Amino acid sequence: MKNVVVPLALLATTSALAAPAQTKACRITVKGTSFDTGCLPALSARGTVVAVPVVDPDGERGLPNLLVVFFPVDGRPPASTVVLTAAEVDEVGGGKLGASVLQMIEPRLDLVNAQLSVAGFAPLRAVEADALKLELKDGTLAIRGPRMEDETVAVAGSAAGCEDANAPFVSGVWARGADARDIVVRIDYRGGETCAVPRPAWRLVHVRGAASPPSASPGPGAAVAGPSQASLLNTRAMRKFRARDWTGAAADFRAAIDAYSGHVKAHYNLACLASITRDRATALAELRWLAASDLPEAAQKIAKAQTDPDLDFVRDDPEVQEILARGK
């Protein structure tokens, strides 16, 4: 990203922009002697990653600790962000979530909340799973239920002799949005004393018969209003980016893309912000969009991405390297 000089007239216009409408963001806070993770599990705005809190029971000591794990719904390995380990609170805080521990974890909380914000994670609500039926055959798991499209997903392989011990089962079901158009399913495995238990799998299941709201016909000048509004939002986002307001910048970059999906700068800037906050999934999604676009400006951004320090965190990713190699 480069610094942008904004004319005063444009500043006056952008200051009047309304805040982008969005679902209440997921944010982790400290509450008393523990962490408030009530907004988790949460699903990213693109519906590709589920964020889950993991707390180590730590025997019977019950020391406060938190790890946030990000599970891709396509089965790829998860990523995680450590907020606090039981060993740290024991060593630094004497077993308590006191001032010294809070000071130590403040940048970590800022990071994980930025990751949740940049990817647009929104809380999921638990729903009943009784109506779901599972069928395991030839390494795939079929999930069926009322008003639900048949979903067949790959399951983790088991060592020889462990197929029965590692039988998969649905351990939880959550819905996204008031209309429950999408359902998130967690699949766990029963395991056994001599069989390693595969990690949980998360899948997004689509509901049948949920009608999409009718799209309004664009009025006169709409083709111009979309790009124009997107540019103003992107400019405002850049000011927030320079002020290190990751949450505000992410919201405005996404609003710019919503206003005009072909706004190349907003896609690229969101990729940079995601990389800075170590949100690999969002950065990859935006770079994929740029690589698939036939707009000349998108090709220029892919070329810039080869050396942009904002993308240092994701540049070692094999898929990112493949995308950047195509841009040479």
Protein backbone atom coordinates (compact mmCIF):
# COMPACT_ATOMS: atom_id res chain seq x y z
CA MET A 1 0.00 0.00 0.00
CA LYS A 2 1.15 3.54 -0.55
CA ASN A 3 0.21 6.70 1.27
CA VAL A 4 -2.60 8.61 -0.36
CA VAL A 5 -2.93 12.40 -0.37
CA VAL A 6 -6.64 13.17 -0.02
CA PRO A 7 -8.03 16.50 -1.28
CA LEU A 8 -9.98 18.50 1.31
CA ALA A 9 -13.10 18.32 -0.83
CA LEU A 10 -12.92 14.54 -0.83
CA LEU A 11 -12.37 14.44 2.92
CA ALA A 12 -15.51 16.46 3.39
CA THR A 13 -17.43 14.00 1.26
CA THR A 14 -16.09 10.85 2.89
CA SER A 15 -16.74 12.15 6.39
CA ALA A 16 -20.42 12.16 5.56
CA LEU A 17 -20.45 8.49 4.57
CA ALA A 18 -22.59 6.35 6.78
CA ALA A 19 -20.92 3.51 8.62
CA PRO A 20 -21.25 0.28 6.66
CA ALA A 21 -24.10 -1.91 7.81
CA GLN A 22 -22.86 -5.27 9.04
CA THR A 23 -23.60 -8.10 11.42
CA LYS A 24 -22.40 -7.51 14.95
CA ALA A 25 -18.70 -8.30 14.97
CA CYS A 26 -17.22 -11.06 17.09
CA ARG A 27 -14.87 -9.76 19.77
CA ILE A 28 -13.10 -11.49 22.67
CA THR A 29 -12.76 -9.63 25.95
CA VAL A 30 -11.58 -10.27 29.50
CA LYS A 31 -14.45 -10.68 31.94
CA GLY A 32 -13.55 -10.98 35.59
CA THR A 33 -11.05 -13.80 35.94
CA SER A 34 -11.68 -15.41 32.55
CA PHE A 35 -12.19 -14.71 28.86
CA ASP A 36 -15.55 -13.84 27.33
CA THR A 37 -15.74 -15.91 24.14
CA GLY A 38 -19.52 -15.85 23.89
CA CYS A 39 -19.39 -14.81 20.22
CA LEU A 40 -17.63 -18.06 19.28
CA PRO A 41 -17.97 -20.25 17.32
CA ALA A 42 -18.17 -17.74 14.49
CA LEU A 43 -18.15 -17.99 10.71
CA SER A 44 -16.11 -15.75 8.41
CA ALA A 45 -17.94 -13.42 6.05
CA ARG A 46 -17.04 -15.60 3.06
CA GLY A 47 -18.27 -18.72 4.83
CA THR A 48 -14.91 -20.44 4.52
CA VAL A 49 -13.50 -20.54 8.07
CA VAL A 50 -14.96 -21.25 11.53
CA ALA A 51 -13.29 -19.70 14.58
CA VAL A 52 -13.47 -21.81 17.75
CA PRO A 53 -12.24 -21.18 21.33
CA VAL A 54 -10.13 -23.93 22.90
CA VAL A 55 -9.49 -23.94 26.65
CA ASP A 56 -7.11 -26.43 28.20
CA PRO A 57 -8.80 -27.89 31.30
CA ASP A 58 -5.31 -28.01 32.87
CA GLY A 59 -6.14 -30.89 35.15
CA GLU A 60 -8.12 -29.65 38.13
CA ARG A 61 -6.27 -26.37 38.59
CA GLY A 62 -8.52 -24.49 36.16
CA LEU A 63 -5.97 -21.83 35.23
CA PRO A 64 -7.39 -19.29 32.74
CA ASN A 65 -6.08 -19.87 29.21
CA LEU A 66 -7.29 -19.47 25.64
CA LEU A 67 -6.37 -20.62 22.15
CA VAL A 68 -8.46 -19.54 19.13
CA VAL A 69 -8.42 -22.10 16.32
CA PHE A 70 -9.48 -21.24 12.76
CA PHE A 71 -10.89 -24.30 10.93
CA PRO A 72 -11.29 -24.05 7.11
CA VAL A 73 -14.57 -25.69 6.09
CA ASP A 74 -12.88 -27.39 3.12
CA GLY A 75 -10.83 -29.64 5.40
CA ARG A 76 -7.47 -27.91 5.12
CA PRO A 77 -5.33 -27.84 8.30
CA PRO A 78 -6.43 -25.23 10.85
CA ALA A 79 -4.44 -22.21 12.02
CA SER A 80 -4.43 -20.91 15.58
CA THR A 81 -3.65 -17.86 17.67
CA VAL A 82 -2.50 -18.21 21.28
CA VAL A 83 -3.98 -15.67 23.67
CA LEU A 84 -2.74 -17.19 26.93
CA THR A 85 -1.40 -20.57 28.03
CA ALA A 86 -1.95 -22.14 31.44
CA ALA A 87 1.83 -22.26 31.95
CA GLU A 88 2.11 -18.51 31.32
CA VAL A 89 -0.59 -17.51 33.77
CA ASP A 90 1.01 -19.81 36.33
CA GLU A 91 4.48 -18.37 35.79
CA VAL A 92 3.67 -14.69 35.25
CA GLY A 93 0.52 -14.24 37.29
CA GLY A 94 0.82 -16.83 40.01
CA GLY A 95 -2.29 -18.58 38.69
CA LYS A 96 -4.38 -15.43 38.43
CA LEU A 97 -5.48 -13.21 35.56
CA GLY A 98 -3.92 -10.15 37.18
CA ALA A 99 -2.50 -6.89 35.87
CA SER A 100 0.84 -8.38 34.80
CA VAL A 101 -0.86 -11.10 32.74
CA LEU A 102 -3.33 -8.65 31.21
CA GLN A 103 -0.47 -6.40 30.13
CA MET A 104 1.31 -9.36 28.56
CA ILE A 105 -1.69 -10.56 26.56
CA GLU A 106 -2.99 -7.16 25.43
CA PRO A 107 -1.23 -7.29 22.02
CA ARG A 108 -2.40 -10.89 21.56
CA LEU A 109 -6.01 -9.93 22.22
CA ASP A 110 -5.64 -7.05 19.79
CA LEU A 111 -4.27 -9.45 17.18
CA VAL A 112 -6.97 -12.12 17.50
CA ASN A 113 -9.72 -9.49 17.52
CA ALA A 114 -8.21 -7.95 14.40
CA GLN A 115 -8.19 -11.39 12.77
CA LEU A 116 -11.87 -11.86 13.65
CA SER A 117 -12.69 -8.40 12.33
CA VAL A 118 -10.69 -8.49 9.11
CA ALA A 119 -12.27 -11.79 8.02
CA GLY A 120 -15.72 -10.54 9.07
CA PHE A 121 -16.43 -13.30 11.59
CA ALA A 122 -20.00 -13.24 12.88
CA PRO A 123 -21.39 -15.36 15.75
CA LEU A 124 -23.22 -18.60 14.99
CA ARG A 125 -26.27 -19.76 16.94
CA ALA A 126 -26.73 -23.34 18.08
CA VAL A 127 -29.59 -25.35 16.55
CA GLU A 128 -30.96 -28.85 17.09
CA ALA A 129 -29.08 -31.65 15.35
CA ASP A 130 -31.55 -34.49 15.96
CA ALA A 131 -32.87 -34.48 12.39
CA LEU A 132 -29.45 -35.00 10.80
CA LYS A 133 -28.48 -38.43 9.48
CA LEU A 134 -24.97 -39.64 8.74
CA GLU A 135 -23.75 -42.30 6.38
CA LEU A 136 -20.07 -43.20 6.12
CA LYS A 137 -18.94 -44.98 2.96
CA ASP A 138 -15.65 -45.20 1.06
CA GLY A 139 -13.95 -42.41 2.98
CA THR A 140 -16.77 -39.89 2.65
CA LEU A 141 -19.46 -38.78 5.05
CA ALA A 142 -22.95 -38.06 3.70
CA ILE A 143 -24.99 -35.61 5.78
CA ARG A 144 -28.74 -35.50 5.18
CA GLY A 145 -31.65 -33.73 6.82
CA PRO A 146 -34.95 -31.90 6.24
CA ARG A 147 -34.69 -28.97 3.80
CA MET A 148 -30.99 -29.73 3.47
CA GLU A 149 -29.06 -30.43 0.32
CA ASP A 150 -27.24 -33.74 0.43
CA GLU A 151 -23.68 -32.97 1.46
CA THR A 152 -20.85 -35.43 0.93
CA VAL A 153 -17.54 -34.49 2.51
CA ALA A 154 -14.20 -36.22 2.88
CA VAL A 155 -13.31 -37.42 6.36
CA ALA A 156 -9.90 -37.89 7.90
CA GLY A 157 -8.26 -41.19 7.18
CA SER A 158 -7.75 -43.68 10.00
CA ALA A 159 -4.92 -46.09 10.63
CA ALA A 160 -5.51 -49.72 9.79
CA GLY A 161 -7.76 -51.30 12.39
CA CYS A 162 -9.05 -47.94 13.63
CA GLU A 163 -11.89 -47.41 11.17
CA ASP A 164 -14.56 -48.54 13.63
CA ALA A 165 -12.96 -46.86 16.64
CA ASN A 166 -12.79 -43.55 14.80
CA ALA A 167 -16.41 -43.54 13.68
CA PRO A 168 -17.46 -39.93 12.93
CA PHE A 169 -20.49 -38.29 14.50
CA VAL A 170 -22.07 -34.82 14.47
CA SER A 171 -21.27 -33.19 17.80
CA GLY A 172 -22.86 -29.80 17.13
CA VAL A 173 -24.85 -27.78 14.63
CA TRP A 174 -25.00 -24.00 14.28
CA ALA A 175 -26.83 -21.64 11.93
CA ARG A 176 -25.66 -18.45 10.25
CA GLY A 177 -28.14 -15.60 9.89
CA ALA A 178 -31.73 -15.21 10.97
CA ASP A 179 -33.02 -17.24 8.01
CA ALA A 180 -30.68 -20.18 8.77
CA ARG A 181 -29.75 -20.34 5.10
CA ASP A 182 -26.39 -21.93 5.96
CA ILE A 183 -25.73 -24.50 8.67
CA VAL A 184 -22.33 -25.24 10.16
CA VAL A 185 -21.70 -28.81 11.31
CA ARG A 186 -18.95 -30.02 13.62
CA ILE A 187 -17.84 -33.62 13.09
CA ASP A 188 -15.95 -35.41 15.86
CA TYR A 189 -14.60 -38.93 16.16
CA ARG A 190 -15.19 -41.44 18.94
CA GLY A 191 -11.61 -42.66 19.13
CA GLY A 192 -10.20 -45.48 21.21
CA GLU A 193 -7.41 -46.32 23.62
CA THR A 194 -5.01 -47.44 20.89
CA CYS A 195 -6.25 -45.23 18.03
CA ALA A 196 -5.23 -41.62 17.47
CA VAL A 197 -8.35 -39.50 17.19
CA PRO A 198 -8.51 -37.26 14.08
CA ARG A 199 -8.99 -33.56 14.72
CA PRO A 200 -12.56 -32.19 14.51
CA ALA A 201 -13.88 -31.29 11.08
CA TRP A 202 -16.18 -28.34 10.33
CA ARG A 203 -18.42 -28.19 7.28
CA LEU A 204 -20.84 -25.67 5.81
CA VAL A 205 -24.15 -27.23 4.76
CA HIS A 206 -26.66 -25.38 2.59
CA VAL A 207 -30.39 -25.30 3.24
CA ARG A 208 -32.93 -25.88 0.48
CA GLY A 209 -35.93 -23.67 -0.08
CA ALA A 210 -34.56 -20.50 1.52
CA ALA A 211 -35.51 -17.90 -1.05
CA SER A 212 -33.00 -15.18 -1.71
CA PRO A 213 -34.33 -11.63 -1.36
CA PRO A 214 -35.20 -10.10 -4.71
CA SER A 215 -32.49 -7.86 -6.06
CA ALA A 216 -33.57 -4.33 -6.80
CA SER A 217 -33.14 -3.09 -10.32
CA PRO A 218 -30.40 -0.46 -10.50
CA GLY A 219 -31.69 3.02 -11.09
CA PRO A 220 -30.24 5.64 -13.41
CA GLY A 221 -26.60 6.30 -12.66
CA ALA A 222 -26.21 3.19 -10.49
CA ALA A 223 -23.24 1.98 -12.52
CA VAL A 224 -21.42 5.19 -11.64
CA ALA A 225 -22.61 5.37 -8.02
CA GLY A 226 -21.18 1.92 -7.16
CA PRO A 227 -17.54 2.59 -8.12
CA SER A 228 -17.74 6.14 -6.77
CA GLN A 229 -19.05 5.02 -3.38
CA ALA A 230 -16.49 2.22 -3.28
CA SER A 231 -13.64 4.67 -3.92
CA LEU A 232 -14.78 6.92 -1.10
CA LEU A 233 -15.03 3.99 1.30
CA ASN A 234 -11.60 2.71 0.26
CA THR A 235 -10.10 6.14 0.88
CA ARG A 236 -11.67 6.28 4.33
CA ALA A 237 -10.39 2.78 5.03
CA MET A 238 -6.86 3.84 4.13
CA ARG A 239 -6.97 6.62 6.71
CA LYS A 240 -8.02 4.09 9.34
CA PHE A 241 -5.34 1.70 8.11
CA ARG A 242 -2.62 4.30 8.62
CA ALA A 243 -4.02 4.95 12.11
CA ARG A 244 -3.77 1.17 12.78
CA ASP A 245 -7.51 0.95 13.25
CA TRP A 246 -7.63 -2.56 11.80
CA THR A 247 -11.28 -3.14 12.66
CA GLY A 248 -12.50 0.09 11.10
CA ALA A 249 -10.30 -0.32 8.04
CA ALA A 250 -11.48 -3.88 7.44
CA ALA A 251 -15.13 -2.85 7.71
CA ASP A 252 -14.67 -0.06 5.16
CA PHE A 253 -12.65 -2.19 2.73
CA ARG A 254 -15.43 -4.80 2.83
CA ALA A 255 -18.08 -2.10 2.43
CA ALA A 256 -16.20 -0.80 -0.62
CA ILE A 257 -16.22 -4.28 -2.15
CA ASP A 258 -19.93 -4.64 -1.36
CA ALA A 259 -20.62 -1.31 -3.05
CA TYR A 260 -18.66 -2.33 -6.15
CA SER A 261 -17.24 -5.85 -6.35
CA GLY A 262 -14.76 -4.86 -9.07
CA HIS A 263 -12.90 -2.32 -6.93
CA VAL A 264 -9.36 -3.67 -7.32
CA LYS A 265 -7.71 -1.44 -4.73
CA ALA A 266 -10.14 -2.47 -2.00
CA HIS A 267 -9.48 -6.17 -2.69
CA TYR A 268 -5.73 -5.62 -2.66
CA ASN A 269 -5.79 -3.45 0.45
CA LEU A 270 -7.90 -6.01 2.31
CA ALA A 271 -5.37 -8.69 1.34
CA CYS A 272 -2.57 -6.54 2.78
CA LEU A 273 -4.49 -5.88 5.99
CA ALA A 274 -5.26 -9.59 6.36
CA SER A 275 -1.58 -10.45 5.96
CA ILE A 276 -0.56 -7.87 8.56
CA THR A 277 -3.01 -9.37 11.05
CA ARG A 278 -1.91 -12.91 10.10
CA ASP A 279 -5.27 -13.83 8.62
CA ARG A 280 -3.97 -16.16 5.91
CA ALA A 281 -7.41 -17.29 4.68
CA THR A 282 -8.67 -13.79 3.89
CA ALA A 283 -5.41 -12.72 2.28
CA LEU A 284 -5.49 -15.80 0.05
CA ALA A 285 -9.12 -15.21 -0.90
CA GLU A 286 -8.42 -11.64 -1.99
CA LEU A 287 -5.27 -12.61 -3.91
CA ARG A 288 -7.24 -15.35 -5.66
CA TRP A 289 -9.81 -12.74 -6.71
CA LEU A 290 -7.08 -10.50 -8.10
CA ALA A 291 -5.45 -13.40 -9.95
CA ALA A 292 -8.78 -14.40 -11.53
CA SER A 293 -9.67 -10.86 -12.60
CA ASP A 294 -9.03 -9.77 -16.17
CA LEU A 295 -8.74 -6.12 -15.17
CA PRO A 296 -5.32 -4.60 -16.01
CA GLU A 297 -5.16 -2.97 -12.57
CA ALA A 298 -5.54 -6.39 -10.92
CA ALA A 299 -2.49 -7.68 -12.82
CA GLN A 300 -0.56 -4.62 -11.65
CA LYS A 301 -1.50 -5.39 -8.04
CA ILE A 302 -0.35 -9.00 -8.38
CA ALA A 303 2.99 -7.69 -9.65
CA LYS A 304 3.19 -5.28 -6.71
CA ALA A 305 2.39 -8.10 -4.29
CA GLN A 306 5.66 -9.81 -5.18
CA THR A 307 7.62 -7.30 -3.09
CA ASP A 308 5.03 -5.47 -0.95
CA PRO A 309 6.19 -5.81 2.70
CA ASP A 310 2.55 -5.82 3.86
CA LEU A 311 2.27 -9.30 2.32
CA ASP A 312 5.42 -10.74 3.87
CA PHE A 313 3.43 -13.01 6.21
CA VAL A 314 1.66 -14.90 3.40
CA ARG A 315 4.32 -14.76 0.69
CA ASP A 316 5.80 -18.11 1.77
CA ASP A 317 2.45 -19.84 1.25
CA PRO A 318 2.70 -22.26 -1.73
CA GLU A 319 -0.56 -21.02 -3.27
CA VAL A 320 0.50 -17.38 -2.90
CA GLN A 321 3.82 -18.19 -4.54
CA GLU A 322 1.96 -19.84 -7.43
CA ILE A 323 -0.31 -16.79 -7.83
CA LEU A 324 2.64 -14.38 -7.78
CA ALA A 325 4.62 -16.54 -10.24
CA ARG A 326 1.80 -16.23 -12.76
CA GLY A 327 2.08 -12.46 -12.47
CA LYS A 328 5.74 -12.30 -13.50
